[in-house]
Amino acid sequence: MAFVLSGGASLGAIQAGMLHALYERGIVPDVIVGTSAGALNGAFVASRPQTVATAVALADIWRGLRRGQAFPLNPVTGLLGFLGARDHLVPPSGLRRVIAGHLEHSELQDMPIPLHVVAVDVLTGEELRLSRGPVLDAVMASAAVPGVLPPVAWEGRSLMDGGVANNTPISHAVELGAERIYVLPTGHACALDQAPDGALGMALQAMSLLTHRRLTEDIERHRADAQLVVLPPPCPQRITPIDFDHAGELIDRALHDARAFLDDGGAEEPAIRMRPHRHRRPARRAAVPQRGLARA
């Protein structure tokens, strides 16, 4: 059994709630595959017991995380990036510090639960699955949003965010032989009241929207290869991937919706697919988990 954790920047908090619901029901993975924020979450849980306590600890990290910690804006770095003297707008030191502070293993191959993270070769566009080597560098590479964070050197290559090619790496879980795959998507910010502020917010929002189509297509492509269980992300979603101030809300909504989905037999029904959509009006707090989603 595999857990597939998608990217989504601050929306990665959603996966802490989903993991909580899964662990409550004794659903634990044999392997974890993640991209970007999903790689961060995967590195945390793969090195620890597969229990509710681990999900709660992950949720506590997200609740206390602020944008300035992960993406510390530096006027000099930003200006140099804007002028073309550097290939990024934000120094990697903040995110690297956050990740390093919560790692319990230094090498991917030493994880109690096998962890695989996805990144992309900057020069060739080749999609890579990193399964051995330094955890910190692998996760940083998987989360290196192009133009925002610098690429990461890896075995003679220059790597960037895996979300560019495969934000929800279902295909890799299939290649690894998983017959039952729990997909933990972060969704995307549908029905925004206004465009994100700033270059960083716009870049992350654009990536979120671009990767949405790949997820929908992969659910269709791989439904015959494995039993896919796609947990429903909160919907409607008006929180952007750069907004770190609402982690608690995202976690609570995801936990509520995942519990309802699993207890109502959602895991045994055809995989849901998230179509782009708009909402006429804000939904109530106790919205049905599948609102805005469609079953194939």
Protein backbone atom coordinates (compact mmCIF):
# COMPACT_ATOMS: atom_id res chain seq x y z
CA MET A 1 0.00 0.00 0.00
CA ALA A 2 1.29 3.47 -0.88
CA PHE A 3 0.55 7.00 0.23
CA VAL A 4 1.01 9.61 -2.51
CA LEU A 5 1.42 13.16 -1.19
CA SER A 6 1.05 16.03 -3.64
CA GLY A 7 2.71 19.45 -3.57
CA GLY A 8 0.94 22.67 -2.69
CA ALA A 9 3.19 24.93 -0.58
CA SER A 10 1.16 26.12 2.44
CA LEU A 11 -1.74 23.88 1.41
CA GLY A 12 0.46 20.97 2.47
CA ALA A 13 -1.08 21.47 5.92
CA ILE A 14 -4.14 19.68 4.55
CA GLN A 15 -2.23 16.41 4.48
CA ALA A 16 -1.68 16.50 8.25
CA GLY A 17 -5.45 16.28 8.73
CA MET A 18 -5.80 13.52 6.15
CA LEU A 19 -2.98 11.49 7.72
CA HIS A 20 -4.65 11.84 11.12
CA ALA A 21 -7.87 10.31 9.77
CA LEU A 22 -6.01 7.48 8.03
CA TYR A 23 -3.93 6.57 11.08
CA GLU A 24 -7.04 6.61 13.26
CA ARG A 25 -8.42 3.80 11.13
CA GLY A 26 -5.22 1.78 11.10
CA ILE A 27 -4.47 2.64 7.47
CA VAL A 28 -0.69 2.83 7.16
CA PRO A 29 1.62 2.77 4.11
CA ASP A 30 4.31 0.38 3.02
CA VAL A 31 5.82 3.16 0.92
CA ILE A 32 5.43 6.95 0.63
CA VAL A 33 5.88 8.98 -2.56
CA GLY A 34 5.82 12.77 -2.40
CA THR A 35 6.43 15.93 -4.36
CA SER A 36 7.31 19.39 -2.99
CA ALA A 37 5.25 20.02 0.18
CA GLY A 38 4.28 16.35 -0.01
CA ALA A 39 7.97 15.47 0.08
CA LEU A 40 8.36 17.57 3.25
CA ASN A 41 5.43 15.83 4.91
CA GLY A 42 6.60 12.45 3.66
CA ALA A 43 10.07 12.94 5.11
CA PHE A 44 8.53 13.71 8.49
CA VAL A 45 6.12 10.79 8.74
CA ALA A 46 8.31 8.17 6.98
CA SER A 47 10.91 8.48 9.74
CA ARG A 48 8.41 8.10 12.59
CA PRO A 49 5.80 5.61 13.86
CA GLN A 50 2.69 5.49 11.68
CA THR A 51 0.38 6.73 14.42
CA VAL A 52 -2.06 9.51 15.18
CA ALA A 53 0.59 11.07 17.43
CA THR A 54 2.86 11.52 14.41
CA ALA A 55 0.07 13.22 12.44
CA VAL A 56 -0.65 15.50 15.39
CA ALA A 57 3.04 16.43 15.66
CA LEU A 58 3.09 17.25 11.94
CA ALA A 59 -0.04 19.36 12.35
CA ASP A 60 1.59 21.29 15.19
CA ILE A 61 4.52 22.17 12.93
CA TRP A 62 2.20 23.48 10.23
CA ARG A 63 0.16 25.49 12.75
CA GLY A 64 3.30 27.25 13.93
CA LEU A 65 4.89 27.78 10.51
CA ARG A 66 4.90 31.26 8.97
CA ARG A 67 5.78 32.32 5.45
CA GLY A 68 8.85 34.25 6.60
CA GLN A 69 10.33 31.05 8.04
CA ALA A 70 10.01 29.02 4.83
CA PHE A 71 10.31 31.85 2.30
CA PRO A 72 12.29 34.67 3.95
CA LEU A 73 12.16 37.60 1.58
CA ASN A 74 15.54 39.25 1.10
CA PRO A 75 15.50 42.57 -0.81
CA VAL A 76 18.98 42.01 -2.24
CA THR A 77 18.27 38.46 -3.41
CA GLY A 78 14.93 39.54 -4.84
CA LEU A 79 16.46 42.47 -6.71
CA LEU A 80 19.28 40.35 -8.13
CA GLY A 81 16.76 37.76 -9.25
CA PHE A 82 14.64 40.43 -10.89
CA LEU A 83 17.66 41.83 -12.71
CA GLY A 84 18.72 38.39 -13.91
CA ALA A 85 21.85 38.17 -11.79
CA ARG A 86 20.41 35.22 -9.86
CA ASP A 87 18.00 32.44 -10.78
CA HIS A 88 15.77 32.83 -7.72
CA LEU A 89 13.91 35.41 -5.66
CA VAL A 90 14.08 33.83 -2.21
CA PRO A 91 17.15 32.44 -0.41
CA PRO A 92 16.89 28.70 0.37
CA SER A 93 18.20 29.08 3.91
CA GLY A 94 14.77 29.43 5.52
CA LEU A 95 13.16 26.32 4.04
CA ARG A 96 16.35 24.34 4.50
CA ARG A 97 16.41 25.26 8.18
CA VAL A 98 12.76 24.26 8.64
CA ILE A 99 13.29 20.88 7.00
CA ALA A 100 16.57 20.12 8.80
CA GLY A 101 14.98 20.87 12.16
CA HIS A 102 12.56 17.97 11.82
CA LEU A 103 14.59 15.21 10.15
CA GLU A 104 15.39 12.07 12.10
CA HIS A 105 17.38 10.35 9.34
CA SER A 106 20.02 11.78 7.04
CA GLU A 107 19.67 9.28 4.16
CA LEU A 108 16.56 8.31 2.22
CA GLN A 109 17.47 4.62 2.27
CA ASP A 110 17.52 4.64 6.09
CA MET A 111 13.87 5.62 6.49
CA PRO A 112 11.73 3.05 8.38
CA ILE A 113 9.06 3.55 5.71
CA PRO A 114 10.60 3.74 2.20
CA LEU A 115 10.37 7.32 0.95
CA HIS A 116 10.63 8.43 -2.67
CA VAL A 117 10.52 12.09 -3.71
CA VAL A 118 10.08 13.53 -7.18
CA ALA A 119 12.15 16.31 -8.74
CA VAL A 120 12.86 17.58 -12.27
CA ASP A 121 16.14 18.10 -14.13
CA VAL A 122 16.36 21.81 -14.97
CA LEU A 123 18.24 21.25 -18.23
CA THR A 124 16.44 18.25 -19.71
CA GLY A 125 13.03 18.41 -18.05
CA GLU A 126 13.48 14.77 -17.04
CA GLU A 127 11.34 13.63 -14.14
CA LEU A 128 13.41 11.92 -11.44
CA ARG A 129 12.46 9.73 -8.50
CA LEU A 130 14.97 10.14 -5.69
CA SER A 131 15.14 7.05 -3.49
CA ARG A 132 18.68 7.11 -2.11
CA GLY A 133 20.94 9.87 -0.89
CA PRO A 134 20.73 12.84 1.49
CA VAL A 135 17.17 13.44 2.65
CA LEU A 136 17.65 17.17 3.11
CA ASP A 137 18.98 17.75 -0.40
CA ALA A 138 16.34 15.49 -1.96
CA VAL A 139 13.46 17.28 -0.26
CA MET A 140 14.92 20.70 -1.05
CA ALA A 141 15.22 19.69 -4.70
CA SER A 142 11.63 18.43 -4.80
CA ALA A 143 10.42 21.72 -3.28
CA ALA A 144 12.62 24.14 -5.28
CA VAL A 145 9.88 26.21 -6.94
CA PRO A 146 11.41 27.49 -10.21
CA GLY A 147 12.25 31.17 -10.10
CA VAL A 148 11.42 31.34 -6.40
CA LEU A 149 14.05 29.01 -4.90
CA PRO A 150 17.37 28.03 -6.50
CA PRO A 151 17.84 24.61 -8.10
CA VAL A 152 19.62 21.97 -6.03
CA ALA A 153 22.79 20.18 -7.15
CA TRP A 154 22.30 16.40 -7.20
CA GLU A 155 24.81 13.92 -8.66
CA GLY A 156 25.94 16.27 -11.40
CA ARG A 157 22.45 17.50 -12.19
CA SER A 158 20.56 20.65 -11.31
CA LEU A 159 17.11 19.83 -9.92
CA MET A 160 13.93 21.82 -9.31
CA ASP A 161 10.40 21.32 -7.98
CA GLY A 162 8.91 17.98 -9.01
CA GLY A 163 5.53 19.65 -9.35
CA VAL A 164 6.66 21.06 -12.69
CA ALA A 165 6.26 17.55 -14.16
CA ASN A 166 4.34 15.46 -11.63
CA ASN A 167 2.81 17.18 -8.64
CA THR A 168 0.87 14.10 -7.49
CA PRO A 169 3.17 11.18 -8.36
CA ILE A 170 0.64 8.39 -8.71
CA SER A 171 2.62 6.97 -11.63
CA HIS A 172 5.65 6.40 -9.41
CA ALA A 173 3.62 4.50 -6.82
CA VAL A 174 2.32 2.31 -9.64
CA GLU A 175 5.87 1.73 -10.92
CA LEU A 176 6.92 0.73 -7.39
CA GLY A 177 4.28 -2.00 -7.44
CA ALA A 178 1.62 -0.55 -5.14
CA GLU A 179 -1.75 -2.22 -5.66
CA ARG A 180 -3.70 0.12 -3.38
CA ILE A 181 -2.81 3.81 -3.42
CA TYR A 182 -4.14 6.50 -1.09
CA VAL A 183 -3.79 9.86 -2.81
CA LEU A 184 -3.56 12.90 -0.54
CA PRO A 185 -4.07 15.94 -2.79
CA THR A 186 -3.88 19.49 -1.50
CA GLY A 187 -6.44 20.72 -4.01
CA HIS A 188 -6.13 24.22 -5.33
CA ALA A 189 -7.53 27.59 -4.42
CA CYS A 190 -10.80 27.68 -6.35
CA ALA A 191 -13.06 30.73 -6.32
CA LEU A 192 -10.45 33.28 -5.29
CA ASP A 193 -11.89 36.67 -4.48
CA GLN A 194 -8.85 38.32 -6.04
CA ALA A 195 -5.52 37.44 -7.60
CA PRO A 196 -2.64 36.59 -5.22
CA ASP A 197 -0.43 39.48 -4.11
CA GLY A 198 3.19 39.57 -5.21
CA ALA A 199 5.35 37.55 -7.57
CA LEU A 200 5.82 34.66 -5.12
CA GLY A 201 2.10 34.23 -4.53
CA MET A 202 1.32 34.43 -8.23
CA ALA A 203 4.03 31.90 -9.13
CA LEU A 204 2.80 29.34 -6.60
CA GLN A 205 -0.85 29.86 -7.57
CA ALA A 206 0.01 29.40 -11.25
CA MET A 207 1.85 26.14 -10.50
CA SER A 208 -1.12 24.94 -8.46
CA LEU A 209 -3.49 25.48 -11.36
CA LEU A 210 -1.12 24.00 -13.95
CA THR A 211 -0.61 20.80 -11.97
CA HIS A 212 -4.32 20.27 -11.43
CA ARG A 213 -4.86 18.92 -14.95
CA ARG A 214 -2.09 16.31 -14.54
CA LEU A 215 -3.79 14.94 -11.41
CA THR A 216 -7.14 14.57 -13.16
CA GLU A 217 -5.50 12.83 -16.12
CA ASP A 218 -3.45 10.49 -13.93
CA ILE A 219 -6.50 9.32 -12.00
CA GLU A 220 -8.02 8.24 -15.31
CA ARG A 221 -4.76 6.81 -16.65
CA HIS A 222 -3.98 4.62 -13.64
CA ARG A 223 -7.40 3.56 -12.37
CA ALA A 224 -6.86 0.14 -14.00
CA ASP A 225 -3.32 -0.23 -12.63
CA ALA A 226 -4.14 -0.01 -8.93
CA GLN A 227 -7.01 0.68 -6.56
CA LEU A 228 -6.94 4.46 -6.18
CA VAL A 229 -8.39 6.13 -3.12
CA VAL A 230 -8.37 9.91 -3.62
CA LEU A 231 -9.13 11.73 -0.38
CA PRO A 232 -11.17 14.92 -0.87
CA PRO A 233 -9.32 18.17 -0.11
CA PRO A 234 -11.33 21.01 1.46
CA CYS A 235 -13.65 22.58 -1.07
CA PRO A 236 -14.39 25.40 -1.70
CA GLN A 237 -10.80 26.45 -1.15
CA ARG A 238 -10.09 30.17 -0.96
CA ILE A 239 -6.69 29.97 0.72
CA THR A 240 -3.76 30.43 -1.64
CA PRO A 241 -0.59 28.28 -1.60
CA ILE A 242 1.44 31.18 -0.20
CA ASP A 243 -0.89 31.95 2.72
CA PHE A 244 0.54 30.31 5.85
CA ASP A 245 -1.88 31.97 8.28
CA HIS A 246 -4.70 29.43 8.00
CA ALA A 247 -3.01 26.08 8.61
CA GLY A 248 -5.25 25.28 11.57
CA GLU A 249 -8.39 25.79 9.51
CA LEU A 250 -7.05 23.65 6.66
CA ILE A 251 -6.04 20.83 9.00
CA ASP A 252 -9.37 20.78 10.82
CA ARG A 253 -11.40 20.83 7.61
CA ALA A 254 -9.26 18.10 6.04
CA LEU A 255 -9.57 15.89 9.12
CA HIS A 256 -13.37 16.37 9.23
CA ASP A 257 -13.79 15.64 5.52
CA ALA A 258 -11.41 12.67 5.47
CA ARG A 259 -13.18 11.06 8.43
CA ALA A 260 -16.55 11.45 6.74
CA PHE A 261 -15.21 10.15 3.42
CA LEU A 262 -13.62 7.05 4.95
CA ASP A 263 -16.50 6.26 7.29
CA ASP A 264 -19.03 6.60 4.46
CA GLY A 265 -17.22 3.98 2.39
CA GLY A 266 -15.52 6.40 0.04
CA ALA A 267 -12.40 4.25 -0.10
CA GLU A 268 -14.31 1.44 -1.78
CA GLU A 269 -15.99 3.59 -4.45
CA PRO A 270 -14.54 4.82 -7.78
CA ALA A 271 -11.83 7.42 -7.31
CA ILE A 272 -13.01 11.01 -7.22
CA ARG A 273 -11.58 13.45 -9.71
CA MET A 274 -11.38 17.16 -9.06
CA ARG A 275 -12.69 19.19 -11.96
CA PRO A 276 -11.96 22.93 -12.10
CA HIS A 277 -15.07 24.75 -10.93
CA ARG A 278 -16.49 27.88 -9.36
CA HIS A 279 -18.80 28.36 -6.40
CA ARG A 280 -21.77 30.68 -6.55
CA ARG A 281 -21.63 31.36 -2.84
CA PRO A 282 -19.49 30.32 0.15
CA ALA A 283 -20.32 26.86 1.41
CA ARG A 284 -21.28 26.17 4.99
CA ARG A 285 -18.67 24.98 7.45
CA ALA A 286 -20.14 21.47 7.52
CA ALA A 287 -19.99 21.06 3.75
CA VAL A 288 -20.28 17.57 2.31
CA PRO A 289 -16.71 16.35 1.59
CA GLN A 290 -17.39 15.72 -2.10
CA ARG A 291 -18.89 19.13 -2.85
CA GLY A 292 -17.22 20.47 -5.96
CA LEU A 293 -15.80 17.02 -6.69
CA ALA A 294 -17.04 14.43 -9.13
CA ARG A 295 -16.93 10.67 -9.05
CA ALA A 296 -15.68 9.10 -12.21
